Amino acid sequence: MAVKTKYQVGDIIYWYCDMDNEIHHAEVQFVNYAGVGYPDINYEVTTVCCGETKTLFIDEYEVLESDTL
């Protein structure tokens, strides 16, 4: 049985960055999950954050719903 995730590769996600106090967005490049016990799901993205290009892993609970923006 596959783990059900809210977002898939190619989706655009938004999250708040505590380091620069801004909302960022990026395209999901890869979905990482561990389905044992409580599912641990994060989304791999590449974006410019704090002035440099970074690959980040955004936890599913940190993704902002598009209707709250």
PDB file of N, CA and C in Angstrom:
ATOM      1  N   MET A   1       0.837  -1.181   0.000  1.00  0.00           N
ATOM      2  CA  MET A   1       0.000   0.000   0.000  1.00  0.00           C
ATOM      3  C   MET A   1       0.883   1.245   0.000  1.00  0.00           C
ATOM      4  N   ALA A   2       0.645   2.160  -0.893  1.00  0.00           N
ATOM      5  CA  ALA A   2       1.434   3.393  -1.015  1.00  0.00           C
ATOM      6  C   ALA A   2       0.921   4.443  -0.032  1.00  0.00           C
ATOM      7  N   VAL A   3       1.823   5.286   0.418  1.00  0.00           N
ATOM      8  CA  VAL A   3       1.466   6.384   1.309  1.00  0.00           C
ATOM      9  C   VAL A   3       0.818   7.487   0.481  1.00  0.00           C
ATOM     10  N   LYS A   4      -0.290   8.015   0.956  1.00  0.00           N
ATOM     11  CA  LYS A   4      -0.997   9.097   0.274  1.00  0.00           C
ATOM     12  C   LYS A   4      -0.417  10.431   0.723  1.00  0.00           C
ATOM     13  N   THR A   5       0.039  11.246  -0.221  1.00  0.00           N
ATOM     14  CA  THR A   5       0.589  12.560   0.087  1.00  0.00           C
ATOM     15  C   THR A   5      -0.317  13.643  -0.479  1.00  0.00           C
ATOM     16  N   LYS A   6      -0.277  14.832   0.125  1.00  0.00           N
ATOM     17  CA  LYS A   6      -1.106  15.949  -0.350  1.00  0.00           C
ATOM     18  C   LYS A   6      -0.629  16.483  -1.692  1.00  0.00           C
ATOM     19  N   TYR A   7       0.696  16.432  -1.917  1.00  0.00           N
ATOM     20  CA  TYR A   7       1.272  17.027  -3.120  1.00  0.00           C
ATOM     21  C   TYR A   7       2.100  15.993  -3.864  1.00  0.00           C
ATOM     22  N   GLN A   8       2.261  16.203  -5.145  1.00  0.00           N
ATOM     23  CA  GLN A   8       2.997  15.291  -6.009  1.00  0.00           C
ATOM     24  C   GLN A   8       4.130  16.050  -6.697  1.00  0.00           C
ATOM     25  N   VAL A   9       5.027  15.320  -7.327  1.00  0.00           N
ATOM     26  CA  VAL A   9       6.096  15.932  -8.124  1.00  0.00           C
ATOM     27  C   VAL A   9       5.463  16.844  -9.171  1.00  0.00           C
ATOM     28  N   GLY A  10       5.990  18.065  -9.282  1.00  0.00           N
ATOM     29  CA  GLY A  10       5.468  19.039 -10.236  1.00  0.00           C
ATOM     30  C   GLY A  10       4.525  20.061  -9.624  1.00  0.00           C
ATOM     31  N   ASP A  11       3.964  19.767  -8.435  1.00  0.00           N
ATOM     32  CA  ASP A  11       3.090  20.725  -7.761  1.00  0.00           C
ATOM     33  C   ASP A  11       3.932  21.884  -7.209  1.00  0.00           C
ATOM     34  N   ILE A  12       3.317  23.053  -7.115  1.00  0.00           N
ATOM     35  CA  ILE A  12       3.953  24.207  -6.494  1.00  0.00           C
ATOM     36  C   ILE A  12       3.481  24.273  -5.042  1.00  0.00           C
ATOM     37  N   ILE A  13       4.447  24.354  -4.113  1.00  0.00           N
ATOM     38  CA  ILE A  13       4.098  24.471  -2.701  1.00  0.00           C
ATOM     39  C   ILE A  13       4.641  25.784  -2.148  1.00  0.00           C
ATOM     40  N   TYR A  14       4.027  26.251  -1.050  1.00  0.00           N
ATOM     41  CA  TYR A  14       4.414  27.488  -0.382  1.00  0.00           C
ATOM     42  C   TYR A  14       4.710  27.175   1.075  1.00  0.00           C
ATOM     43  N   TRP A  15       5.687  27.872   1.658  1.00  0.00           N
ATOM     44  CA  TRP A  15       6.001  27.711   3.070  1.00  0.00           C
ATOM     45  C   TRP A  15       6.604  29.000   3.592  1.00  0.00           C
ATOM     46  N   TYR A  16       6.562  29.174   4.907  1.00  0.00           N
ATOM     47  CA  TYR A  16       7.122  30.351   5.564  1.00  0.00           C
ATOM     48  C   TYR A  16       8.536  30.029   6.022  1.00  0.00           C
ATOM     49  N   CYS A  17       9.480  30.916   5.728  1.00  0.00           N
ATOM     50  CA  CYS A  17      10.876  30.734   6.115  1.00  0.00           C
ATOM     51  C   CYS A  17      11.177  31.624   7.324  1.00  0.00           C
ATOM     52  N   ASP A  18      11.558  31.008   8.434  1.00  0.00           N
ATOM     53  CA  ASP A  18      11.902  31.750   9.650  1.00  0.00           C
ATOM     54  C   ASP A  18      13.195  32.538   9.504  1.00  0.00           C
ATOM     55  N   MET A  19      14.091  32.105   8.623  1.00  0.00           N
ATOM     56  CA  MET A  19      15.395  32.757   8.499  1.00  0.00           C
ATOM     57  C   MET A  19      15.299  34.140   7.858  1.00  0.00           C
ATOM     58  N   ASP A  20      14.422  34.295   6.853  1.00  0.00           N
ATOM     59  CA  ASP A  20      14.294  35.609   6.217  1.00  0.00           C
ATOM     60  C   ASP A  20      12.891  36.197   6.346  1.00  0.00           C
ATOM     61  N   ASN A  21      12.037  35.536   7.136  1.00  0.00           N
ATOM     62  CA  ASN A  21      10.680  36.021   7.421  1.00  0.00           C
ATOM     63  C   ASN A  21       9.867  36.296   6.158  1.00  0.00           C
ATOM     64  N   GLU A  22       9.958  35.364   5.196  1.00  0.00           N
ATOM     65  CA  GLU A  22       9.214  35.494   3.951  1.00  0.00           C
ATOM     66  C   GLU A  22       8.545  34.184   3.595  1.00  0.00           C
ATOM     67  N   ILE A  23       7.534  34.275   2.748  1.00  0.00           N
ATOM     68  CA  ILE A  23       6.893  33.087   2.200  1.00  0.00           C
ATOM     69  C   ILE A  23       7.588  32.765   0.888  1.00  0.00           C
ATOM     70  N   HIS A  24       8.025  31.529   0.745  1.00  0.00           N
ATOM     71  CA  HIS A  24       8.688  31.063  -0.473  1.00  0.00           C
ATOM     72  C   HIS A  24       7.782  30.060  -1.184  1.00  0.00           C
ATOM     73  N   HIS A  25       8.077  29.826  -2.442  1.00  0.00           N
ATOM     74  CA  HIS A  25       7.369  28.791  -3.197  1.00  0.00           C
ATOM     75  C   HIS A  25       8.352  28.128  -4.146  1.00  0.00           C
ATOM     76  N   ALA A  26       8.044  26.884  -4.484  1.00  0.00           N
ATOM     77  CA  ALA A  26       8.887  26.135  -5.413  1.00  0.00           C
ATOM     78  C   ALA A  26       8.116  24.916  -5.903  1.00  0.00           C
ATOM     79  N   GLU A  27       8.628  24.342  -6.977  1.00  0.00           N
ATOM     80  CA  GLU A  27       8.050  23.121  -7.547  1.00  0.00           C
ATOM     81  C   GLU A  27       8.618  21.903  -6.815  1.00  0.00           C
ATOM     82  N   VAL A  28       7.743  20.978  -6.460  1.00  0.00           N
ATOM     83  CA  VAL A  28       8.165  19.743  -5.802  1.00  0.00           C
ATOM     84  C   VAL A  28       8.968  18.910  -6.799  1.00  0.00           C
ATOM     85  N   GLN A  29      10.196  18.549  -6.415  1.00  0.00           N
ATOM     86  CA  GLN A  29      11.055  17.737  -7.265  1.00  0.00           C
ATOM     87  C   GLN A  29      11.012  16.263  -6.884  1.00  0.00           C
ATOM     88  N   PHE A  30      10.775  16.009  -5.594  1.00  0.00           N
ATOM     89  CA  PHE A  30      10.754  14.635  -5.116  1.00  0.00           C
ATOM     90  C   PHE A  30       9.950  14.587  -3.834  1.00  0.00           C
ATOM     91  N   VAL A  31       9.202  13.510  -3.635  1.00  0.00           N
ATOM     92  CA  VAL A  31       8.439  13.310  -2.409  1.00  0.00           C
ATOM     93  C   VAL A  31       9.137  12.226  -1.601  1.00  0.00           C
ATOM     94  N   ASN A  32       9.525  12.564  -0.361  1.00  0.00           N
ATOM     95  CA  ASN A  32      10.177  11.621   0.540  1.00  0.00           C
ATOM     96  C   ASN A  32       9.178  11.217   1.607  1.00  0.00           C
ATOM     97  N   TYR A  33       9.044   9.908   1.855  1.00  0.00           N
ATOM     98  CA  TYR A  33       8.150   9.492   2.930  1.00  0.00           C
ATOM     99  C   TYR A  33       8.597   8.172   3.535  1.00  0.00           C
ATOM    100  N   ALA A  34       8.301   8.074   4.809  1.00  0.00           N
ATOM    101  CA  ALA A  34       8.493   6.827   5.553  1.00  0.00           C
ATOM    102  C   ALA A  34       7.125   6.482   6.110  1.00  0.00           C
ATOM    103  N   GLY A  35       6.594   5.364   5.716  1.00  0.00           N
ATOM    104  CA  GLY A  35       5.229   4.999   6.084  1.00  0.00           C
ATOM    105  C   GLY A  35       5.109   4.096   7.294  1.00  0.00           C
ATOM    106  N   VAL A  36       6.176   3.904   8.042  1.00  0.00           N
ATOM    107  CA  VAL A  36       6.123   3.040   9.215  1.00  0.00           C
ATOM    108  C   VAL A  36       5.620   3.863  10.401  1.00  0.00           C
ATOM    109  N   GLY A  37       4.578   3.371  11.064  1.00  0.00           N
ATOM    110  CA  GLY A  37       4.008   4.120  12.186  1.00  0.00           C
ATOM    111  C   GLY A  37       3.335   5.378  11.681  1.00  0.00           C
ATOM    112  N   TYR A  38       3.693   6.504  12.249  1.00  0.00           N
ATOM    113  CA  TYR A  38       3.158   7.793  11.800  1.00  0.00           C
ATOM    114  C   TYR A  38       3.935   8.223  10.563  1.00  0.00           C
ATOM    115  N   PRO A  39       3.251   8.454   9.437  1.00  0.00           N
ATOM    116  CA  PRO A  39       3.973   8.801   8.202  1.00  0.00           C
ATOM    117  C   PRO A  39       4.768  10.098   8.339  1.00  0.00           C
ATOM    118  N   ASP A  40       6.014  10.061   7.904  1.00  0.00           N
ATOM    119  CA  ASP A  40       6.883  11.239   7.869  1.00  0.00           C
ATOM    120  C   ASP A  40       7.042  11.605   6.402  1.00  0.00           C
ATOM    121  N   ILE A  41       6.431  12.727   6.006  1.00  0.00           N
ATOM    122  CA  ILE A  41       6.402  13.123   4.602  1.00  0.00           C
ATOM    123  C   ILE A  41       7.060  14.490   4.456  1.00  0.00           C
ATOM    124  N   ASN A  42       7.988  14.617   3.501  1.00  0.00           N
ATOM    125  CA  ASN A  42       8.535  15.932   3.176  1.00  0.00           C
ATOM    126  C   ASN A  42       8.738  16.031   1.676  1.00  0.00           C
ATOM    127  N   TYR A  43       8.843  17.268   1.221  1.00  0.00           N
ATOM    128  CA  TYR A  43       8.934  17.561  -0.204  1.00  0.00           C
ATOM    129  C   TYR A  43      10.274  18.218  -0.491  1.00  0.00           C
ATOM    130  N   GLU A  44      10.995  17.678  -1.455  1.00  0.00           N
ATOM    131  CA  GLU A  44      12.294  18.224  -1.842  1.00  0.00           C
ATOM    132  C   GLU A  44      12.078  19.289  -2.907  1.00  0.00           C
ATOM    133  N   VAL A  45      12.630  20.485  -2.658  1.00  0.00           N
ATOM    134  CA  VAL A  45      12.510  21.602  -3.589  1.00  0.00           C
ATOM    135  C   VAL A  45      13.857  22.308  -3.708  1.00  0.00           C
ATOM    136  N   THR A  46      14.043  23.032  -4.789  1.00  0.00           N
ATOM    137  CA  THR A  46      15.206  23.896  -4.954  1.00  0.00           C
ATOM    138  C   THR A  46      14.684  25.307  -5.174  1.00  0.00           C
ATOM    139  N   THR A  47      15.213  26.250  -4.388  1.00  0.00           N
ATOM    140  CA  THR A  47      14.748  27.632  -4.460  1.00  0.00           C
ATOM    141  C   THR A  47      15.848  28.568  -3.991  1.00  0.00           C
ATOM    142  N   VAL A  48      15.652  29.861  -4.227  1.00  0.00           N
ATOM    143  CA  VAL A  48      16.565  30.864  -3.696  1.00  0.00           C
ATOM    144  C   VAL A  48      16.041  31.270  -2.323  1.00  0.00           C
ATOM    145  N   CYS A  49      16.879  31.085  -1.314  1.00  0.00           N
ATOM    146  CA  CYS A  49      16.514  31.426   0.056  1.00  0.00           C
ATOM    147  C   CYS A  49      17.723  32.094   0.704  1.00  0.00           C
ATOM    148  N   CYS A  50      17.492  33.220   1.339  1.00  0.00           N
ATOM    149  CA  CYS A  50      18.562  33.961   2.018  1.00  0.00           C
ATOM    150  C   CYS A  50      19.698  34.311   1.052  1.00  0.00           C
ATOM    151  N   GLY A  51      19.344  34.602  -0.208  1.00  0.00           N
ATOM    152  CA  GLY A  51      20.314  35.071  -1.177  1.00  0.00           C
ATOM    153  C   GLY A  51      21.095  34.008  -1.917  1.00  0.00           C
ATOM    154  N   GLU A  52      20.813  32.726  -1.681  1.00  0.00           N
ATOM    155  CA  GLU A  52      21.529  31.674  -2.414  1.00  0.00           C
ATOM    156  C   GLU A  52      20.585  30.526  -2.775  1.00  0.00           C
ATOM    157  N   THR A  53      20.932  29.798  -3.841  1.00  0.00           N
ATOM    158  CA  THR A  53      20.124  28.658  -4.269  1.00  0.00           C
ATOM    159  C   THR A  53      20.374  27.494  -3.329  1.00  0.00           C
ATOM    160  N   LYS A  54      19.267  26.918  -2.823  1.00  0.00           N
ATOM    161  CA  LYS A  54      19.367  25.821  -1.861  1.00  0.00           C
ATOM    162  C   LYS A  54      18.377  24.721  -2.217  1.00  0.00           C
ATOM    163  N   THR A  55      18.749  23.503  -1.880  1.00  0.00           N
ATOM    164  CA  THR A  55      17.819  22.386  -1.917  1.00  0.00           C
ATOM    165  C   THR A  55      17.297  22.221  -0.499  1.00  0.00           C
ATOM    166  N   LEU A  56      15.973  22.268  -0.359  1.00  0.00           N
ATOM    167  CA  LEU A  56      15.341  22.203   0.955  1.00  0.00           C
ATOM    168  C   LEU A  56      14.394  21.024   1.023  1.00  0.00           C
ATOM    169  N   PHE A  57      14.138  20.551   2.231  1.00  0.00           N
ATOM    170  CA  PHE A  57      13.177  19.488   2.479  1.00  0.00           C
ATOM    171  C   PHE A  57      12.094  20.070   3.377  1.00  0.00           C
ATOM    172  N   ILE A  58      10.927  20.312   2.803  1.00  0.00           N
ATOM    173  CA  ILE A  58       9.827  20.964   3.504  1.00  0.00           C
ATOM    174  C   ILE A  58       8.872  19.904   4.031  1.00  0.00           C
ATOM    175  N   ASP A  59       8.717  19.846   5.359  1.00  0.00           N
ATOM    176  CA  ASP A  59       7.786  18.887   5.959  1.00  0.00           C
ATOM    177  C   ASP A  59       6.363  19.196   5.526  1.00  0.00           C
ATOM    178  N   GLU A  60       5.565  18.145   5.369  1.00  0.00           N
ATOM    179  CA  GLU A  60       4.202  18.321   4.884  1.00  0.00           C
ATOM    180  C   GLU A  60       3.394  19.270   5.767  1.00  0.00           C
ATOM    181  N   TYR A  61       3.599  19.226   7.088  1.00  0.00           N
ATOM    182  CA  TYR A  61       2.836  20.095   7.980  1.00  0.00           C
ATOM    183  C   TYR A  61       3.279  21.567   7.891  1.00  0.00           C
ATOM    184  N   GLU A  62       4.414  21.863   7.249  1.00  0.00           N
ATOM    185  CA  GLU A  62       4.886  23.243   7.081  1.00  0.00           C
ATOM    186  C   GLU A  62       4.378  23.886   5.789  1.00  0.00           C
ATOM    187  N   VAL A  63       3.803  23.104   4.893  1.00  0.00           N
ATOM    188  CA  VAL A  63       3.303  23.630   3.621  1.00  0.00           C
ATOM    189  C   VAL A  63       2.039  24.442   3.889  1.00  0.00           C
ATOM    190  N   LEU A  64       2.017  25.658   3.359  1.00  0.00           N
ATOM    191  CA  LEU A  64       0.846  26.530   3.506  1.00  0.00           C
ATOM    192  C   LEU A  64      -0.192  26.184   2.443  1.00  0.00           C
ATOM    193  N   GLU A  65      -1.423  26.108   2.846  1.00  0.00           N
ATOM    194  CA  GLU A  65      -2.513  25.875   1.889  1.00  0.00           C
ATOM    195  C   GLU A  65      -2.668  27.112   1.011  1.00  0.00           C
ATOM    196  N   SER A  66      -2.877  26.923  -0.273  1.00  0.00           N
ATOM    197  CA  SER A  66      -2.935  28.053  -1.201  1.00  0.00           C
ATOM    198  C   SER A  66      -4.078  29.010  -0.885  1.00  0.00           C
ATOM    199  N   ASP A  67      -5.141  28.552  -0.231  1.00  0.00           N
ATOM    200  CA  ASP A  67      -6.259  29.438   0.099  1.00  0.00           C
ATOM    201  C   ASP A  67      -5.977  30.341   1.296  1.00  0.00           C
ATOM    202  N   THR A  68      -4.854  30.126   1.997  1.00  0.00           N
ATOM    203  CA  THR A  68      -4.492  30.969   3.139  1.00  0.00           C
ATOM    204  C   THR A  68      -3.511  32.066   2.767  1.00  0.00           C
ATOM    205  N   LEU A  69      -3.088  32.099   1.509  1.00  0.00           N
ATOM    206  CA  LEU A  69      -2.081  33.087   1.087  1.00  0.00           C
ATOM    207  C   LEU A  69      -2.718  34.415   0.757  1.00  0.00           C
TER     208      LEU A  69
END
